[in-house]
PDB file of N, CA and C in Angstrom:
ATOM      1  N   MET A   1     -23.536  18.734  -5.431  1.00  0.00           N
ATOM      2  CA  MET A   1     -22.269  18.804  -5.710  1.00  0.00           C
ATOM      3  C   MET A   1     -22.153  20.448  -4.978  1.00  0.00           C
ATOM      4  N   THR A   2     -23.899  21.161  -4.299  1.00  0.00           N
ATOM      5  CA  THR A   2     -23.699  22.606  -4.113  1.00  0.00           C
ATOM      6  C   THR A   2     -22.769  22.186  -2.387  1.00  0.00           C
ATOM      7  N   ALA A   3     -23.277  20.825  -1.842  1.00  0.00           N
ATOM      8  CA  ALA A   3     -23.052  20.381  -0.187  1.00  0.00           C
ATOM      9  C   ALA A   3     -21.649  20.030  -0.194  1.00  0.00           C
ATOM     10  N   VAL A   4     -21.195  19.595  -1.177  1.00  0.00           N
ATOM     11  CA  VAL A   4     -20.163  19.871  -1.228  1.00  0.00           C
ATOM     12  C   VAL A   4     -18.907  20.345  -1.233  1.00  0.00           C
ATOM     13  N   ALA A   5     -19.499  22.225  -1.736  1.00  0.00           N
ATOM     14  CA  ALA A   5     -18.656  23.013  -2.821  1.00  0.00           C
ATOM     15  C   ALA A   5     -19.237  23.782  -1.041  1.00  0.00           C
ATOM     16  N   ALA A   6     -20.172  23.726  -0.329  1.00  0.00           N
ATOM     17  CA  ALA A   6     -20.657  24.573   1.065  1.00  0.00           C
ATOM     18  C   ALA A   6     -19.513  23.994   1.698  1.00  0.00           C
ATOM     19  N   ALA A   7     -19.234  22.677   2.161  1.00  0.00           N
ATOM     20  CA  ALA A   7     -18.123  22.424   3.544  1.00  0.00           C
ATOM     21  C   ALA A   7     -16.823  22.291   2.783  1.00  0.00           C
ATOM     22  N   VAL A   8     -16.484  22.416   1.586  1.00  0.00           N
ATOM     23  CA  VAL A   8     -15.443  22.854   1.344  1.00  0.00           C
ATOM     24  C   VAL A   8     -15.002  24.199   1.631  1.00  0.00           C
ATOM     25  N   ARG A   9     -16.020  24.911   1.138  1.00  0.00           N
ATOM     26  CA  ARG A   9     -16.091  26.940   1.681  1.00  0.00           C
ATOM     27  C   ARG A   9     -16.095  26.904   3.596  1.00  0.00           C
ATOM     28  N   ALA A  10     -16.217  26.214   3.695  1.00  0.00           N
ATOM     29  CA  ALA A  10     -16.219  25.664   5.649  1.00  0.00           C
ATOM     30  C   ALA A  10     -14.873  25.452   5.988  1.00  0.00           C
ATOM     31  N   ALA A  11     -14.661  24.426   5.591  1.00  0.00           N
ATOM     32  CA  ALA A  11     -13.483  23.710   6.044  1.00  0.00           C
ATOM     33  C   ALA A  11     -12.147  24.849   5.153  1.00  0.00           C
ATOM     34  N   GLY A  12     -12.592  25.717   4.032  1.00  0.00           N
ATOM     35  CA  GLY A  12     -11.331  26.054   3.929  1.00  0.00           C
ATOM     36  C   GLY A  12     -10.967  27.185   4.655  1.00  0.00           C
ATOM     37  N   GLU A  13     -11.317  27.499   5.418  1.00  0.00           N
ATOM     38  CA  GLU A  13     -10.541  28.970   6.303  1.00  0.00           C
ATOM     39  C   GLU A  13      -9.561  28.165   6.493  1.00  0.00           C
ATOM     40  N   GLY A  14      -8.691  29.363   6.372  1.00  0.00           N
ATOM     41  CA  GLY A  14      -6.932  28.832   6.776  1.00  0.00           C
ATOM     42  C   GLY A  14      -6.067  27.926   6.477  1.00  0.00           C
ATOM     43  N   ALA A  15      -6.937  26.889   5.819  1.00  0.00           N
ATOM     44  CA  ALA A  15      -5.998  26.235   4.235  1.00  0.00           C
ATOM     45  C   ALA A  15      -5.234  26.622   3.599  1.00  0.00           C
ATOM     46  N   ASP A  16      -4.833  26.014   2.970  1.00  0.00           N
ATOM     47  CA  ASP A  16      -3.720  26.617   2.077  1.00  0.00           C
ATOM     48  C   ASP A  16      -3.511  26.132   0.787  1.00  0.00           C
ATOM     49  N   GLY A  17      -3.995  24.617   0.639  1.00  0.00           N
ATOM     50  CA  GLY A  17      -4.016  23.451  -0.167  1.00  0.00           C
ATOM     51  C   GLY A  17      -5.302  23.009  -0.224  1.00  0.00           C
ATOM     52  N   ILE A  18      -5.580  21.994  -1.505  1.00  0.00           N
ATOM     53  CA  ILE A  18      -6.717  21.124  -1.744  1.00  0.00           C
ATOM     54  C   ILE A  18      -5.924  19.863  -2.372  1.00  0.00           C
ATOM     55  N   LEU A  19      -6.777  18.678  -1.768  1.00  0.00           N
ATOM     56  CA  LEU A  19      -6.580  17.841  -2.830  1.00  0.00           C
ATOM     57  C   LEU A  19      -7.412  17.074  -2.829  1.00  0.00           C
ATOM     58  N   TYR A  20      -8.135  16.068  -4.085  1.00  0.00           N
ATOM     59  CA  TYR A  20      -9.043  15.703  -4.360  1.00  0.00           C
ATOM     60  C   TYR A  20      -8.290  14.498  -4.806  1.00  0.00           C
ATOM     61  N   SER A  21      -9.194  13.347  -3.743  1.00  0.00           N
ATOM     62  CA  SER A  21      -8.751  12.336  -4.306  1.00  0.00           C
ATOM     63  C   SER A  21     -10.097  10.804  -4.206  1.00  0.00           C
ATOM     64  N   PRO A  22     -10.342  10.410  -5.460  1.00  0.00           N
ATOM     65  CA  PRO A  22      -9.471  10.519  -6.713  1.00  0.00           C
ATOM     66  C   PRO A  22     -10.072  11.598  -7.322  1.00  0.00           C
ATOM     67  N   SER A  23      -8.877  12.073  -7.744  1.00  0.00           N
ATOM     68  CA  SER A  23      -8.754  13.089  -8.725  1.00  0.00           C
ATOM     69  C   SER A  23      -9.738  13.191  -9.770  1.00  0.00           C
ATOM     70  N   ARG A  24     -10.503  12.031 -10.432  1.00  0.00           N
ATOM     71  CA  ARG A  24     -12.159  12.913 -10.605  1.00  0.00           C
ATOM     72  C   ARG A  24     -12.911  13.212 -10.237  1.00  0.00           C
ATOM     73  N   ARG A  25     -12.690  13.994  -8.566  1.00  0.00           N
ATOM     74  CA  ARG A  25     -13.251  14.794  -7.541  1.00  0.00           C
ATOM     75  C   ARG A  25     -13.218  15.984  -7.499  1.00  0.00           C
ATOM     76  N   ARG A  26     -11.892  16.271  -8.551  1.00  0.00           N
ATOM     77  CA  ARG A  26     -11.763  17.602  -8.941  1.00  0.00           C
ATOM     78  C   ARG A  26     -13.000  18.451 -10.083  1.00  0.00           C
ATOM     79  N   VAL A  27     -13.728  17.080 -10.406  1.00  0.00           N
ATOM     80  CA  VAL A  27     -15.451  17.483 -10.714  1.00  0.00           C
ATOM     81  C   VAL A  27     -16.100  18.486 -10.171  1.00  0.00           C
ATOM     82  N   TRP A  28     -16.075  18.474  -8.871  1.00  0.00           N
ATOM     83  CA  TRP A  28     -16.949  18.831  -7.682  1.00  0.00           C
ATOM     84  C   TRP A  28     -17.078  20.238  -7.528  1.00  0.00           C
ATOM     85  N   SER A  29     -15.579  20.572  -8.265  1.00  0.00           N
ATOM     86  CA  SER A  29     -15.339  22.175  -7.983  1.00  0.00           C
ATOM     87  C   SER A  29     -15.706  22.922  -8.583  1.00  0.00           C
ATOM     88  N   LEU A  30     -16.572  22.287  -9.856  1.00  0.00           N
ATOM     89  CA  LEU A  30     -17.119  22.728 -10.749  1.00  0.00           C
ATOM     90  C   LEU A  30     -18.090  24.105 -11.049  1.00  0.00           C
ATOM     91  N   VAL A  31     -18.752  23.358 -10.307  1.00  0.00           N
ATOM     92  CA  VAL A  31     -20.597  23.869  -9.583  1.00  0.00           C
ATOM     93  C   VAL A  31     -20.311  25.101  -9.224  1.00  0.00           C
ATOM     94  N   ASP A  32     -19.541  25.647  -8.260  1.00  0.00           N
ATOM     95  CA  ASP A  32     -19.483  26.991  -7.926  1.00  0.00           C
ATOM     96  C   ASP A  32     -17.637  27.106  -7.453  1.00  0.00           C
ATOM     97  N   PRO A  33     -17.487  27.438  -8.187  1.00  0.00           N
ATOM     98  CA  PRO A  33     -15.650  27.469  -7.970  1.00  0.00           C
ATOM     99  C   PRO A  33     -15.114  28.343  -7.156  1.00  0.00           C
ATOM    100  N   ASP A  34     -15.984  29.343  -6.641  1.00  0.00           N
ATOM    101  CA  ASP A  34     -15.821  30.495  -5.294  1.00  0.00           C
ATOM    102  C   ASP A  34     -15.497  29.572  -3.689  1.00  0.00           C
ATOM    103  N   SER A  35     -16.214  28.609  -3.859  1.00  0.00           N
ATOM    104  CA  SER A  35     -16.059  27.638  -2.447  1.00  0.00           C
ATOM    105  C   SER A  35     -14.818  27.086  -2.968  1.00  0.00           C
ATOM    106  N   PHE A  36     -14.192  27.131  -3.724  1.00  0.00           N
ATOM    107  CA  PHE A  36     -12.486  26.500  -3.419  1.00  0.00           C
ATOM    108  C   PHE A  36     -11.509  27.568  -4.062  1.00  0.00           C
ATOM    109  N   ARG A  37     -11.389  28.298  -4.468  1.00  0.00           N
ATOM    110  CA  ARG A  37     -10.434  29.995  -4.277  1.00  0.00           C
ATOM    111  C   ARG A  37     -10.256  30.054  -3.309  1.00  0.00           C
ATOM    112  N   GLY A  38      -8.510  30.406  -3.321  1.00  0.00           N
ATOM    113  CA  GLY A  38      -7.283  30.188  -2.696  1.00  0.00           C
ATOM    114  C   GLY A  38      -7.047  29.386  -1.931  1.00  0.00           C
ATOM    115  N   LEU A  39      -7.039  27.905  -2.430  1.00  0.00           N
ATOM    116  CA  LEU A  39      -7.032  26.991  -2.028  1.00  0.00           C
ATOM    117  C   LEU A  39      -6.071  25.933  -3.546  1.00  0.00           C
ATOM    118  N   ARG A  40      -4.961  25.835  -3.324  1.00  0.00           N
ATOM    119  CA  ARG A  40      -4.029  25.185  -4.023  1.00  0.00           C
ATOM    120  C   ARG A  40      -4.243  23.720  -4.346  1.00  0.00           C
ATOM    121  N   ASP A  41      -4.395  23.842  -5.577  1.00  0.00           N
ATOM    122  CA  ASP A  41      -4.877  22.292  -5.716  1.00  0.00           C
ATOM    123  C   ASP A  41      -3.015  21.325  -5.689  1.00  0.00           C
ATOM    124  N   LEU A  42      -3.018  20.989  -4.806  1.00  0.00           N
ATOM    125  CA  LEU A  42      -1.734  20.390  -4.647  1.00  0.00           C
ATOM    126  C   LEU A  42      -1.054  18.973  -5.914  1.00  0.00           C
ATOM    127  N   ALA A  43      -2.272  18.300  -5.871  1.00  0.00           N
ATOM    128  CA  ALA A  43      -1.942  17.773  -6.570  1.00  0.00           C
ATOM    129  C   ALA A  43      -1.689  17.889  -8.463  1.00  0.00           C
ATOM    130  N   LEU A  44      -2.380  19.240  -8.570  1.00  0.00           N
ATOM    131  CA  LEU A  44      -2.376  19.484 -10.145  1.00  0.00           C
ATOM    132  C   LEU A  44      -1.396  19.800 -10.805  1.00  0.00           C
ATOM    133  N   ASP A  45      -0.958  19.259 -12.145  1.00  0.00           N
ATOM    134  CA  ASP A  45       0.171  19.943 -12.796  1.00  0.00           C
ATOM    135  C   ASP A  45      -0.242  20.918 -14.303  1.00  0.00           C
ATOM    136  N   ARG A  46      -1.402  19.923 -14.672  1.00  0.00           N
ATOM    137  CA  ARG A  46      -2.214  20.961 -15.594  1.00  0.00           C
ATOM    138  C   ARG A  46      -3.683  20.966 -15.349  1.00  0.00           C
ATOM    139  N   GLY A  47      -4.142  22.548 -15.484  1.00  0.00           N
ATOM    140  CA  GLY A  47      -6.012  21.795 -14.965  1.00  0.00           C
ATOM    141  C   GLY A  47      -6.746  21.659 -16.680  1.00  0.00           C
ATOM    142  N   PRO A  48      -8.061  21.550 -16.882  1.00  0.00           N
ATOM    143  CA  PRO A  48      -8.561  20.656 -17.837  1.00  0.00           C
ATOM    144  C   PRO A  48      -8.421  21.624 -18.932  1.00  0.00           C
ATOM    145  N   ALA A  49      -8.413  22.875 -19.328  1.00  0.00           N
ATOM    146  CA  ALA A  49      -8.182  23.763 -19.800  1.00  0.00           C
ATOM    147  C   ALA A  49      -6.746  23.705 -20.872  1.00  0.00           C
ATOM    148  N   ASP A  50      -5.651  23.413 -20.132  1.00  0.00           N
ATOM    149  CA  ASP A  50      -4.691  23.040 -20.962  1.00  0.00           C
ATOM    150  C   ASP A  50      -4.257  22.001 -21.237  1.00  0.00           C
ATOM    151  N   SER A  51      -4.479  21.121 -20.138  1.00  0.00           N
ATOM    152  CA  SER A  51      -4.620  19.713 -20.779  1.00  0.00           C
ATOM    153  C   SER A  51      -5.731  19.372 -21.717  1.00  0.00           C
ATOM    154  N   GLY A  52      -6.828  19.344 -22.070  1.00  0.00           N
ATOM    155  CA  GLY A  52      -7.623  18.355 -22.724  1.00  0.00           C
ATOM    156  C   GLY A  52      -8.354  18.293 -22.037  1.00  0.00           C
ATOM    157  N   THR A  53      -8.868  18.142 -20.710  1.00  0.00           N
ATOM    158  CA  THR A  53      -9.568  16.823 -20.227  1.00  0.00           C
ATOM    159  C   THR A  53     -10.318  17.659 -19.344  1.00  0.00           C
ATOM    160  N   LEU A  54     -11.615  16.788 -18.957  1.00  0.00           N
ATOM    161  CA  LEU A  54     -12.701  17.121 -17.858  1.00  0.00           C
ATOM    162  C   LEU A  54     -11.575  17.380 -16.303  1.00  0.00           C
ATOM    163  N   TYR A  55     -10.388  16.613 -15.654  1.00  0.00           N
ATOM    164  CA  TYR A  55     -10.225  16.481 -14.758  1.00  0.00           C
ATOM    165  C   TYR A  55      -8.772  16.891 -14.689  1.00  0.00           C
ATOM    166  N   GLY A  56      -8.038  17.428 -15.618  1.00  0.00           N
ATOM    167  CA  GLY A  56      -6.781  17.881 -15.451  1.00  0.00           C
ATOM    168  C   GLY A  56      -5.870  16.846 -15.567  1.00  0.00           C
ATOM    169  N   THR A  57      -4.955  16.900 -16.039  1.00  0.00           N
ATOM    170  CA  THR A  57      -3.816  15.755 -14.673  1.00  0.00           C
ATOM    171  C   THR A  57      -2.530  15.918 -14.022  1.00  0.00           C
ATOM    172  N   GLU A  58      -2.815  15.139 -13.044  1.00  0.00           N
ATOM    173  CA  GLU A  58      -1.430  15.283 -12.060  1.00  0.00           C
ATOM    174  C   GLU A  58      -0.170  15.358 -12.268  1.00  0.00           C
ATOM    175  N   ALA A  59       0.570  15.968 -11.318  1.00  0.00           N
ATOM    176  CA  ALA A  59       1.941  15.683 -11.401  1.00  0.00           C
ATOM    177  C   ALA A  59       2.435  14.806 -10.926  1.00  0.00           C
ATOM    178  N   ALA A  60       3.741  14.432 -10.987  1.00  0.00           N
ATOM    179  CA  ALA A  60       4.244  13.223 -10.624  1.00  0.00           C
ATOM    180  C   ALA A  60       3.876  13.179  -9.158  1.00  0.00           C
ATOM    181  N   PRO A  61       4.247  11.883  -8.541  1.00  0.00           N
ATOM    182  CA  PRO A  61       3.893  11.397  -7.570  1.00  0.00           C
ATOM    183  C   PRO A  61       4.966  11.991  -6.133  1.00  0.00           C
ATOM    184  N   SER A  62       6.181  12.148  -6.947  1.00  0.00           N
ATOM    185  CA  SER A  62       6.991  12.710  -5.929  1.00  0.00           C
ATOM    186  C   SER A  62       6.609  14.643  -5.373  1.00  0.00           C
ATOM    187  N   VAL A  63       6.138  15.373  -6.689  1.00  0.00           N
ATOM    188  CA  VAL A  63       5.981  16.521  -6.794  1.00  0.00           C
ATOM    189  C   VAL A  63       4.278  16.837  -5.991  1.00  0.00           C
ATOM    190  N   VAL A  64       3.510  15.506  -5.769  1.00  0.00           N
ATOM    191  CA  VAL A  64       2.466  15.028  -5.015  1.00  0.00           C
ATOM    192  C   VAL A  64       3.157  15.458  -3.567  1.00  0.00           C
ATOM    193  N   ARG A  65       3.412  14.813  -3.428  1.00  0.00           N
ATOM    194  CA  ARG A  65       4.083  14.414  -2.161  1.00  0.00           C
ATOM    195  C   ARG A  65       4.995  15.841  -1.209  1.00  0.00           C
ATOM    196  N   ALA A  66       5.649  16.463  -2.070  1.00  0.00           N
ATOM    197  CA  ALA A  66       6.985  17.823  -1.815  1.00  0.00           C
ATOM    198  C   ALA A  66       5.500  18.914  -1.845  1.00  0.00           C
ATOM    199  N   ARG A  67       4.664  18.933  -2.360  1.00  0.00           N
ATOM    200  CA  ARG A  67       3.403  19.834  -2.304  1.00  0.00           C
ATOM    201  C   ARG A  67       2.608  19.445  -0.431  1.00  0.00           C
ATOM    202  N   VAL A  68       2.257  18.373  -0.585  1.00  0.00           N
ATOM    203  CA  VAL A  68       1.373  18.127   0.366  1.00  0.00           C
ATOM    204  C   VAL A  68       2.601  18.084   1.892  1.00  0.00           C
ATOM    205  N   LEU A  69       3.942  18.174   1.990  1.00  0.00           N
ATOM    206  CA  LEU A  69       4.811  18.336   3.202  1.00  0.00           C
ATOM    207  C   LEU A  69       4.825  19.749   3.469  1.00  0.00           C
ATOM    208  N   ALA A  70       4.690  20.525   2.085  1.00  0.00           N
ATOM    209  CA  ALA A  70       4.717  21.846   2.156  1.00  0.00           C
ATOM    210  C   ALA A  70       3.614  22.738   3.090  1.00  0.00           C
ATOM    211  N   ALA A  71       2.680  22.006   2.548  1.00  0.00           N
ATOM    212  CA  ALA A  71       1.301  23.042   3.251  1.00  0.00           C
ATOM    213  C   ALA A  71       1.134  22.841   4.427  1.00  0.00           C
ATOM    214  N   ARG A  72       0.541  24.028   4.799  1.00  0.00           N
ATOM    215  CA  ARG A  72      -0.203  23.864   6.639  1.00  0.00           C
ATOM    216  C   ARG A  72      -0.879  23.678   6.898  1.00  0.00           C
ATOM    217  N   ARG A  73      -2.031  23.513   5.829  1.00  0.00           N
ATOM    218  CA  ARG A  73      -3.536  22.988   6.618  1.00  0.00           C
ATOM    219  C   ARG A  73      -3.941  22.539   4.964  1.00  0.00           C
ATOM    220  N   ILE A  74      -4.594  21.311   4.893  1.00  0.00           N
ATOM    221  CA  ILE A  74      -4.728  21.146   3.750  1.00  0.00           C
ATOM    222  C   ILE A  74      -6.741  20.487   3.789  1.00  0.00           C
ATOM    223  N   VAL A  75      -6.978  20.832   2.806  1.00  0.00           N
ATOM    224  CA  VAL A  75      -8.893  20.006   2.692  1.00  0.00           C
ATOM    225  C   VAL A  75      -8.409  18.728   1.485  1.00  0.00           C
ATOM    226  N   VAL A  76      -9.240  17.623   1.799  1.00  0.00           N
ATOM    227  CA  VAL A  76      -9.000  16.688   0.710  1.00  0.00           C
ATOM    228  C   VAL A  76     -10.677  16.462   0.734  1.00  0.00           C
ATOM    229  N   VAL A  77     -10.877  16.077  -0.734  1.00  0.00           N
ATOM    230  CA  VAL A  77     -12.819  16.043  -0.405  1.00  0.00           C
ATOM    231  C   VAL A  77     -12.363  14.528  -1.697  1.00  0.00           C
ATOM    232  N   ARG A  78     -12.789  13.635  -0.200  1.00  0.00           N
ATOM    233  CA  ARG A  78     -12.793  12.061  -0.733  1.00  0.00           C
ATOM    234  C   ARG A  78     -13.935  11.266  -1.470  1.00  0.00           C
ATOM    235  N   ASP A  79     -14.139  10.586  -1.701  1.00  0.00           N
ATOM    236  CA  ASP A  79     -14.768   9.812  -1.956  1.00  0.00           C
ATOM    237  C   ASP A  79     -15.871   9.225  -0.521  1.00  0.00           C
ATOM    238  N   PRO A  80     -17.225   8.766  -0.711  1.00  0.00           N
ATOM    239  CA  PRO A  80     -17.330   8.146   1.023  1.00  0.00           C
ATOM    240  C   PRO A  80     -16.218   7.007   1.160  1.00  0.00           C
ATOM    241  N   ALA A  81     -16.901   6.997   2.728  1.00  0.00           N
ATOM    242  CA  ALA A  81     -16.640   5.747   3.285  1.00  0.00           C
ATOM    243  C   ALA A  81     -16.732   4.305   2.543  1.00  0.00           C
ATOM    244  N   GLY A  82     -15.967   3.599   2.705  1.00  0.00           N
ATOM    245  CA  GLY A  82     -15.800   1.917   1.836  1.00  0.00           C
ATOM    246  C   GLY A  82     -16.175   1.812   0.131  1.00  0.00           C
ATOM    247  N   GLN A  83     -15.713   2.900  -0.851  1.00  0.00           N
ATOM    248  CA  GLN A  83     -15.489   2.862  -1.808  1.00  0.00           C
ATOM    249  C   GLN A  83     -14.345   2.213  -2.058  1.00  0.00           C
ATOM    250  N   PRO A  84     -14.394   2.085  -3.837  1.00  0.00           N
ATOM    251  CA  PRO A  84     -13.118   1.258  -3.887  1.00  0.00           C
ATOM    252  C   PRO A  84     -11.600   2.212  -4.059  1.00  0.00           C
ATOM    253  N   LEU A  85     -10.806   1.942  -3.859  1.00  0.00           N
ATOM    254  CA  LEU A  85      -9.696   2.853  -3.931  1.00  0.00           C
ATOM    255  C   LEU A  85      -9.040   2.993  -5.010  1.00  0.00           C
ATOM    256  N   ASP A  86      -8.541   3.824  -5.708  1.00  0.00           N
ATOM    257  CA  ASP A  86      -7.786   3.660  -7.022  1.00  0.00           C
ATOM    258  C   ASP A  86      -6.388   3.969  -6.642  1.00  0.00           C
ATOM    259  N   THR A  87      -6.171   2.918  -7.936  1.00  0.00           N
ATOM    260  CA  THR A  87      -4.404   2.995  -7.505  1.00  0.00           C
ATOM    261  C   THR A  87      -3.617   3.578  -8.124  1.00  0.00           C
ATOM    262  N   THR A  88      -3.643   4.794  -8.921  1.00  0.00           N
ATOM    263  CA  THR A  88      -2.678   5.611  -9.655  1.00  0.00           C
ATOM    264  C   THR A  88      -1.654   5.838  -8.359  1.00  0.00           C
ATOM    265  N   ALA A  89      -0.678   5.931  -8.924  1.00  0.00           N
ATOM    266  CA  ALA A  89       0.670   6.155  -8.202  1.00  0.00           C
ATOM    267  C   ALA A  89       0.314   7.674  -7.194  1.00  0.00           C
ATOM    268  N   GLN A  90      -0.009   8.578  -7.863  1.00  0.00           N
ATOM    269  CA  GLN A  90      -0.359   9.707  -7.181  1.00  0.00           C
ATOM    270  C   GLN A  90      -1.461   9.485  -6.341  1.00  0.00           C
ATOM    271  N   GLU A  91      -2.561   8.051  -6.151  1.00  0.00           N
ATOM    272  CA  GLU A  91      -3.242   8.442  -5.145  1.00  0.00           C
ATOM    273  C   GLU A  91      -2.889   7.327  -3.791  1.00  0.00           C
ATOM    274  N   GLU A  92      -2.378   6.551  -3.863  1.00  0.00           N
ATOM    275  CA  GLU A  92      -1.335   5.872  -3.299  1.00  0.00           C
ATOM    276  C   GLU A  92      -0.326   7.086  -2.353  1.00  0.00           C
ATOM    277  N   THR A  93       0.417   8.005  -3.484  1.00  0.00           N
ATOM    278  CA  THR A  93       1.180   9.099  -2.555  1.00  0.00           C
ATOM    279  C   THR A  93       0.498   9.680  -1.992  1.00  0.00           C
ATOM    280  N   LYS A  94      -0.981   9.910  -2.503  1.00  0.00           N
ATOM    281  CA  LYS A  94      -1.569  11.041  -1.159  1.00  0.00           C
ATOM    282  C   LYS A  94      -2.143  10.532  -0.367  1.00  0.00           C
ATOM    283  N   ARG A  95      -2.989   9.054  -0.371  1.00  0.00           N
ATOM    284  CA  ARG A  95      -2.864   8.414   0.923  1.00  0.00           C
ATOM    285  C   ARG A  95      -1.699   8.286   1.889  1.00  0.00           C
ATOM    286  N   GLN A  96      -0.786   7.656   1.612  1.00  0.00           N
ATOM    287  CA  GLN A  96       0.601   7.813   2.592  1.00  0.00           C
ATOM    288  C   GLN A  96       1.162   8.950   3.044  1.00  0.00           C
ATOM    289  N   VAL A  97       1.103  10.306   2.308  1.00  0.00           N
ATOM    290  CA  VAL A  97       1.444  11.395   2.732  1.00  0.00           C
ATOM    291  C   VAL A  97       0.370  11.805   3.689  1.00  0.00           C
ATOM    292  N   LEU A  98      -1.031  11.701   3.615  1.00  0.00           N
ATOM    293  CA  LEU A  98      -1.646  11.698   4.642  1.00  0.00           C
ATOM    294  C   LEU A  98      -1.492  11.103   5.693  1.00  0.00           C
ATOM    295  N   ALA A  99      -1.411   9.866   5.538  1.00  0.00           N
ATOM    296  CA  ALA A  99      -1.424   8.666   6.913  1.00  0.00           C
ATOM    297  C   ALA A  99      -0.255   8.965   7.932  1.00  0.00           C
ATOM    298  N   THR A 100       0.650   9.120   7.351  1.00  0.00           N
ATOM    299  CA  THR A 100       2.056   9.631   7.580  1.00  0.00           C
ATOM    300  C   THR A 100       2.619  10.202   7.953  1.00  0.00           C
ATOM    301  N   HIS A 101       1.975  11.872   7.472  1.00  0.00           N
ATOM    302  CA  HIS A 101       2.735  13.070   7.725  1.00  0.00           C
ATOM    303  C   HIS A 101       2.115  14.117   8.601  1.00  0.00           C
ATOM    304  N   VAL A 102       0.635  13.768   8.324  1.00  0.00           N
ATOM    305  CA  VAL A 102      -0.466  15.460   8.856  1.00  0.00           C
ATOM    306  C   VAL A 102      -1.546  14.187   9.953  1.00  0.00           C
ATOM    307  N   ASP A 103      -1.897  15.406  10.826  1.00  0.00           N
ATOM    308  CA  ASP A 103      -3.286  14.972  11.830  1.00  0.00           C
ATOM    309  C   ASP A 103      -4.532  15.667  10.855  1.00  0.00           C
ATOM    310  N   GLU A 104      -5.235  14.339  10.640  1.00  0.00           N
ATOM    311  CA  GLU A 104      -6.605  14.358  10.376  1.00  0.00           C
ATOM    312  C   GLU A 104      -7.696  15.341  11.537  1.00  0.00           C
ATOM    313  N   CYS A 105      -7.594  16.754  11.391  1.00  0.00           N
ATOM    314  CA  CYS A 105      -8.163  17.446  12.702  1.00  0.00           C
ATOM    315  C   CYS A 105      -9.768  17.491  12.140  1.00  0.00           C
ATOM    316  N   GLY A 106     -10.468  17.057  11.987  1.00  0.00           N
ATOM    317  CA  GLY A 106     -11.956  16.462  11.156  1.00  0.00           C
ATOM    318  C   GLY A 106     -12.360  15.951  10.423  1.00  0.00           C
ATOM    319  N   THR A 107     -13.386  15.622   9.573  1.00  0.00           N
ATOM    320  CA  THR A 107     -14.168  14.831   8.337  1.00  0.00           C
ATOM    321  C   THR A 107     -15.795  15.396   8.766  1.00  0.00           C
ATOM    322  N   ARG A 108     -16.480  16.027   7.426  1.00  0.00           N
ATOM    323  CA  ARG A 108     -17.681  15.960   7.346  1.00  0.00           C
ATOM    324  C   ARG A 108     -17.900  15.548   6.446  1.00  0.00           C
ATOM    325  N   THR A 109     -18.888  14.478   6.336  1.00  0.00           N
ATOM    326  CA  THR A 109     -19.707  13.840   5.448  1.00  0.00           C
ATOM    327  C   THR A 109     -20.997  14.164   5.283  1.00  0.00           C
ATOM    328  N   VAL A 110     -20.739  14.588   3.726  1.00  0.00           N
ATOM    329  CA  VAL A 110     -21.748  15.107   2.402  1.00  0.00           C
ATOM    330  C   VAL A 110     -22.553  14.785   1.558  1.00  0.00           C
ATOM    331  N   ARG A 111     -23.159  14.666   1.376  1.00  0.00           N
ATOM    332  CA  ARG A 111     -23.860  13.460   0.208  1.00  0.00           C
ATOM    333  C   ARG A 111     -23.130  12.972  -0.730  1.00  0.00           C
ATOM    334  N   GLY A 112     -22.535  12.199  -0.548  1.00  0.00           N
ATOM    335  CA  GLY A 112     -21.710  11.151  -1.689  1.00  0.00           C
ATOM    336  C   GLY A 112     -20.086  11.950  -1.239  1.00  0.00           C
ATOM    337  N   ALA A 113     -19.855  12.132  -0.312  1.00  0.00           N
ATOM    338  CA  ALA A 113     -18.700  12.765  -0.582  1.00  0.00           C
ATOM    339  C   ALA A 113     -18.021  13.153   1.200  1.00  0.00           C
ATOM    340  N   ARG A 114     -16.668  13.226   1.516  1.00  0.00           N
ATOM    341  CA  ARG A 114     -16.155  13.158   2.598  1.00  0.00           C
ATOM    342  C   ARG A 114     -15.205  14.463   2.561  1.00  0.00           C
ATOM    343  N   VAL A 115     -15.217  15.547   3.413  1.00  0.00           N
ATOM    344  CA  VAL A 115     -14.759  16.641   3.041  1.00  0.00           C
ATOM    345  C   VAL A 115     -14.229  16.401   4.296  1.00  0.00           C
ATOM    346  N   SER A 116     -12.140  16.215   4.340  1.00  0.00           N
ATOM    347  CA  SER A 116     -11.450  16.566   5.434  1.00  0.00           C
ATOM    348  C   SER A 116     -10.769  17.831   5.652  1.00  0.00           C
ATOM    349  N   VAL A 117     -10.236  17.825   6.800  1.00  0.00           N
ATOM    350  CA  VAL A 117      -9.264  18.820   7.265  1.00  0.00           C
ATOM    351  C   VAL A 117      -7.782  18.180   8.021  1.00  0.00           C
ATOM    352  N   TYR A 118      -6.728  18.327   7.086  1.00  0.00           N
ATOM    353  CA  TYR A 118      -5.342  17.924   7.779  1.00  0.00           C
ATOM    354  C   TYR A 118      -4.456  18.893   8.049  1.00  0.00           C
ATOM    355  N   ALA A 119      -3.648  19.021   8.830  1.00  0.00           N
ATOM    356  CA  ALA A 119      -2.778  19.785   9.388  1.00  0.00           C
ATOM    357  C   ALA A 119      -1.454  19.040   9.661  1.00  0.00           C
ATOM    358  N   ARG A 120      -0.413  20.248  10.385  1.00  0.00           N
ATOM    359  CA  ARG A 120       1.133  19.875  10.565  1.00  0.00           C
ATOM    360  C   ARG A 120       0.269  19.230  11.708  1.00  0.00           C
ATOM    361  N   PRO A 121       1.481  17.521  12.585  1.00  0.00           N
ATOM    362  CA  PRO A 121       1.205  17.510  13.396  1.00  0.00           C
ATOM    363  C   PRO A 121       0.553  18.822  14.924  1.00  0.00           C
ATOM    364  N   GLY A 122       0.275  18.460  15.225  1.00  0.00           N
ATOM    365  CA  GLY A 122       0.270  19.478  16.360  1.00  0.00           C
ATOM    366  C   GLY A 122      -0.378  20.263  15.965  1.00  0.00           C
ATOM    367  N   ARG A 123      -0.458  21.225  14.820  1.00  0.00           N
ATOM    368  CA  ARG A 123      -1.349  22.109  14.335  1.00  0.00           C
ATOM    369  C   ARG A 123      -2.953  22.564  13.593  1.00  0.00           C
ATOM    370  N   CYS A 124      -3.834  20.999  14.526  1.00  0.00           N
ATOM    371  CA  CYS A 124      -5.451  20.754  14.089  1.00  0.00           C
ATOM    372  C   CYS A 124      -6.383  22.249  15.598  1.00  0.00           C
TER     373      CYS A 124
END
């Protein structure tokens, strides 16, 4: 988890949002919260403390979509390639919006995770 935090810290420069895909990967931010500071969690509706859950609860898909489309640069923290994809409406929305509305600027693979940066088209 420290490798993930370091990768987010490096990728987060100039980014204004973060997505965890799947949402349970939000737990990676617990080890070093400072590495995630300044990055708005674009899918979060209620944090862990407010929701009484480990990962928090996510906003409706339409809210997630609107937030992603409004962001300039986004850090996306994902499972390694080849893992099964979660099929919740929020996860499907994240994948669809990232695939069709923003450009992937780069991805770094670190111990059990992928940390990617996405930006509006032509802004990588």
